[in-house]
Protein backbone atom coordinates (compact mmCIF):
# COMPACT_ATOMS: atom_id res chain seq x y z
CA UNK A 1 124.32 121.53 95.88
CA UNK A 2 120.87 121.20 94.33
CA UNK A 3 120.59 122.29 90.70
CA UNK A 4 117.40 124.19 89.90
CA UNK A 5 116.06 123.19 86.49
CA UNK A 6 113.26 124.69 84.35
CA UNK A 7 111.51 122.80 81.55
CA UNK A 8 110.08 124.22 78.32
CA UNK A 9 108.13 121.52 76.47
CA UNK A 10 104.81 121.86 74.67
CA UNK A 11 103.75 118.21 74.93
CA UNK A 12 102.12 117.72 78.33
CA UNK A 13 103.04 114.05 78.73
CA UNK A 14 106.71 114.68 77.96
CA UNK A 15 106.77 117.80 80.14
CA UNK A 16 105.34 115.92 83.11
CA UNK A 17 107.72 113.01 82.51
CA UNK A 18 110.70 115.36 82.56
CA UNK A 19 109.44 116.94 85.77
CA UNK A 20 109.17 113.53 87.46
CA UNK A 21 112.67 112.63 86.23
CA UNK A 22 114.15 115.83 87.63
CA UNK A 23 112.41 115.72 91.00
CA UNK A 24 113.32 112.07 91.48
CA UNK A 25 117.00 112.66 90.70
CA UNK A 26 119.44 113.42 93.52
CA UNK A 27 120.68 117.02 93.49
CA UNK A 28 118.04 118.18 90.98
CA UNK A 29 114.92 120.29 91.56
CA UNK A 30 112.26 121.38 89.06
CA UNK A 31 111.97 125.16 89.39
CA UNK A 32 109.21 125.42 86.78
CA UNK A 33 107.62 123.66 83.81
CA UNK A 34 106.36 125.73 80.86
CA UNK A 35 104.43 124.74 77.74
CA UNK A 36 105.85 127.56 75.63
CA UNK A 37 108.76 129.98 75.38
CA UNK A 38 106.56 132.94 76.21
CA UNK A 39 105.71 131.46 79.60
CA UNK A 40 109.36 131.08 80.51
CA UNK A 41 110.15 134.59 79.31
CA UNK A 42 107.51 136.08 81.60
CA UNK A 43 108.86 134.26 84.64
CA UNK A 44 112.55 134.26 83.76
CA UNK A 45 113.72 137.49 85.37
CA UNK A 46 112.87 136.32 88.89
CA UNK A 47 112.99 132.54 88.36
CA UNK A 48 115.48 130.70 90.58
CA UNK A 49 116.99 128.54 87.85
CA UNK A 50 120.44 127.41 86.78
CA UNK A 51 119.70 125.07 83.86
CA UNK A 52 116.84 125.20 81.34
CA UNK A 53 115.78 122.09 79.42
CA UNK A 54 114.58 123.65 76.17
CA UNK A 55 112.59 122.08 73.34
CA UNK A 56 112.94 123.64 69.88
CA UNK A 57 109.62 123.08 68.12
CA UNK A 58 107.17 125.03 70.27
CA UNK A 59 103.77 126.51 69.50
CA UNK A 60 104.84 130.16 69.36
CA UNK A 61 108.41 131.38 69.61
CA UNK A 62 110.92 128.63 68.90
CA UNK A 63 113.24 127.33 71.58
CA UNK A 64 116.25 128.65 69.68
CA UNK A 65 114.80 132.18 69.56
CA UNK A 66 114.03 131.93 73.26
CA UNK A 67 117.58 130.91 74.13
CA UNK A 68 119.01 133.82 72.14
CA UNK A 69 116.70 136.26 73.91
CA UNK A 70 117.20 134.98 77.47
CA UNK A 71 120.93 134.26 77.29
CA UNK A 72 121.53 137.98 76.93
CA UNK A 73 119.33 138.66 79.94
CA UNK A 74 121.03 136.15 82.26
CA UNK A 75 124.28 134.78 80.78
CA UNK A 76 124.91 132.62 83.86
CA UNK A 77 121.94 130.36 83.10
CA UNK A 78 122.75 127.29 81.00
CA UNK A 79 120.43 126.12 78.22
CA UNK A 80 120.34 122.43 77.37
CA UNK A 81 118.36 121.72 74.21
CA UNK A 82 116.15 118.66 74.62
CA UNK A 83 114.59 117.92 71.25
CA UNK A 84 113.82 115.26 68.70
CA UNK A 85 115.38 117.43 65.97
CA UNK A 86 118.92 116.54 64.96
CA UNK A 87 119.13 118.49 61.70
CA UNK A 88 122.43 120.26 61.11
CA UNK A 89 120.91 123.73 60.93
CA UNK A 90 119.02 123.28 64.22
CA UNK A 91 122.17 122.19 66.05
CA UNK A 92 124.18 125.05 64.53
CA UNK A 93 121.56 127.70 65.28
CA UNK A 94 120.99 126.47 68.85
CA UNK A 95 124.68 126.56 69.71
CA UNK A 96 125.11 129.97 68.08
CA UNK A 97 122.13 131.26 70.07
CA UNK A 98 123.86 130.33 73.32
CA UNK A 99 122.89 126.75 74.13
CA UNK A 100 125.59 124.90 76.07
CA UNK A 101 124.41 121.37 75.30
CA UNK A 102 122.20 119.45 72.88
CA UNK A 103 120.44 116.24 73.87
CA UNK A 104 117.90 114.25 71.89
CA UNK A 105 114.64 113.15 73.49
CA UNK A 106 115.59 109.56 72.75
CA UNK A 107 118.15 109.83 75.57
CA UNK A 108 117.37 107.90 78.74
CA UNK A 109 116.26 109.66 81.92
CA UNK A 110 119.61 108.76 83.44
CA UNK A 111 121.50 110.33 80.54
CA UNK A 112 119.40 113.51 80.70
CA UNK A 113 119.91 113.84 84.46
CA UNK A 114 123.64 113.33 83.98
CA UNK A 115 123.69 115.91 81.18
CA UNK A 116 122.11 118.51 83.49
CA UNK A 117 124.79 117.87 86.10
CA UNK A 118 127.53 117.98 83.48
CA UNK A 119 126.36 121.30 82.06
CA UNK A 120 126.26 122.87 85.51
CA UNK A 121 129.75 121.51 86.23
CA UNK A 122 131.16 123.24 83.15
CA UNK A 123 130.66 120.61 80.47
CA UNK A 124 128.80 120.68 77.15
CA UNK A 125 126.81 117.44 76.98
CA UNK A 126 125.72 116.19 73.57
CA UNK A 127 123.90 113.11 72.37
CA UNK A 128 126.43 110.86 70.58
CA UNK A 129 124.98 111.48 67.10
CA UNK A 130 125.05 115.24 67.67
CA UNK A 131 128.63 115.13 68.90
CA UNK A 132 129.61 113.17 65.78
CA UNK A 133 128.07 115.82 63.53
CA UNK A 134 130.05 118.54 65.30
CA UNK A 135 133.30 116.58 65.05
CA UNK A 136 132.69 115.96 61.34
CA UNK A 137 132.12 119.68 60.81
CA UNK A 138 135.79 120.42 61.40
CA UNK A 139 136.88 118.46 58.32
CA UNK A 140 134.10 120.16 56.35
CA UNK A 141 135.35 123.59 57.37
CA UNK A 142 138.89 122.71 56.33
CA UNK A 143 137.60 121.65 52.91
CA UNK A 144 135.61 124.87 52.57
CA UNK A 145 138.67 126.98 53.43
CA UNK A 146 140.75 125.08 50.92
CA UNK A 147 138.17 125.67 48.21
CA UNK A 148 137.95 129.37 49.00
CA UNK A 149 141.73 129.74 48.94
CA UNK A 150 141.76 128.30 45.42
CA UNK A 151 139.96 131.43 44.20
CA UNK A 152 141.60 134.72 43.31
CA UNK A 153 140.73 137.80 45.38
CA UNK A 154 138.45 139.07 42.61
CA UNK A 155 136.70 135.70 42.37
CA UNK A 156 136.19 135.75 46.14
CA UNK A 157 134.65 139.23 45.84
CA UNK A 158 132.29 138.00 43.15
CA UNK A 159 131.29 134.91 45.11
CA UNK A 160 130.77 136.87 48.33
CA UNK A 161 128.34 139.23 46.60
CA UNK A 162 126.56 136.40 44.82
CA UNK A 163 126.17 134.65 48.18
CA UNK A 164 124.38 137.76 49.48
CA UNK A 165 121.81 137.38 46.72
CA UNK A 166 122.82 140.20 44.39
CA UNK A 167 122.03 139.76 40.66
CA UNK A 168 124.96 139.45 38.27
CA UNK A 169 124.51 143.02 36.97
CA UNK A 170 124.57 144.51 40.49
CA UNK A 171 127.66 142.48 41.38
CA UNK A 172 129.42 143.74 38.26
CA UNK A 173 128.45 147.35 39.06
CA UNK A 174 129.61 147.07 42.67
CA UNK A 175 132.97 145.72 41.57
CA UNK A 176 133.32 148.16 38.68
CA UNK A 177 133.69 145.48 36.03
CA UNK A 178 131.85 144.77 32.79
CA UNK A 179 129.54 141.84 32.20
CA UNK A 180 132.18 140.18 30.03
CA UNK A 181 134.61 140.15 32.96
CA UNK A 182 131.81 139.08 35.26
CA UNK A 183 131.05 136.03 33.10
CA UNK A 184 134.77 135.22 32.95
CA UNK A 185 135.05 135.22 36.76
CA UNK A 186 131.89 133.16 37.19
CA UNK A 187 133.13 130.57 34.70
CA UNK A 188 136.42 130.30 36.62
CA UNK A 189 134.61 130.01 39.95
CA UNK A 190 132.37 127.22 38.66
CA UNK A 191 135.33 125.37 37.18
CA UNK A 192 137.45 125.60 40.34
CA UNK A 193 134.60 124.59 42.62
CA UNK A 194 133.27 121.99 40.18
CA UNK A 195 129.72 123.34 40.33
CA UNK A 196 127.16 124.49 37.76
CA UNK A 197 125.16 127.19 39.52
CA UNK A 198 125.56 130.13 41.90
CA UNK A 199 123.50 128.28 44.52
CA UNK A 200 125.81 125.27 44.38
CA UNK A 201 128.87 127.52 44.60
CA UNK A 202 127.52 129.35 47.66
CA UNK A 203 126.49 126.15 49.39
CA UNK A 204 129.83 124.50 48.76
CA UNK A 205 131.92 127.35 50.19
CA UNK A 206 129.61 129.03 52.69
CA UNK A 207 127.56 126.02 53.79
CA UNK A 208 126.21 126.22 57.32
CA UNK A 209 125.56 122.52 57.74
CA UNK A 210 127.57 120.58 60.31
CA UNK A 211 128.02 117.22 58.62
């Protein structure tokens, strides 16, 4: 069965190269090539497509925002990020938005074609470096949980509110405690987490990064 693929890539040379790769690959067909997310959105409702190769850094709406918007419209369509960006937050946000795979542009044409076929067959293809980041994230999450469990319930309440950006006085008021107690809890939190600021405490426990 032929897989219909759409491309969203703002660089003309890369976009045309991807189109040639798709049309020259057995069982693949380029259903459309777009220079921005807005172009895909306009055509998406009636576009005969099964897999979308999606760049992230586009001129207008980002590829991640586009995935989040279109995945709700047609959940059956798979989105394979094809980008030069391998930052933790980009990977995290893309997968949370609904992307099924994440390939770097450094991948060979053969690897990209295989990734499209894998994603349509039920897989979640990733470039090796991206897959390693995701695997490493599991140990990071275990460490974060362990750190959080070292805090008392009141300390967790304090840290949760601080993580939301509330000033110390507002946190104390919300929890019905005085500033003396507030300082006591903060001192204990910093000591247990081995940090010296609210930002460091939040990042250590609630960090979003994958590595």
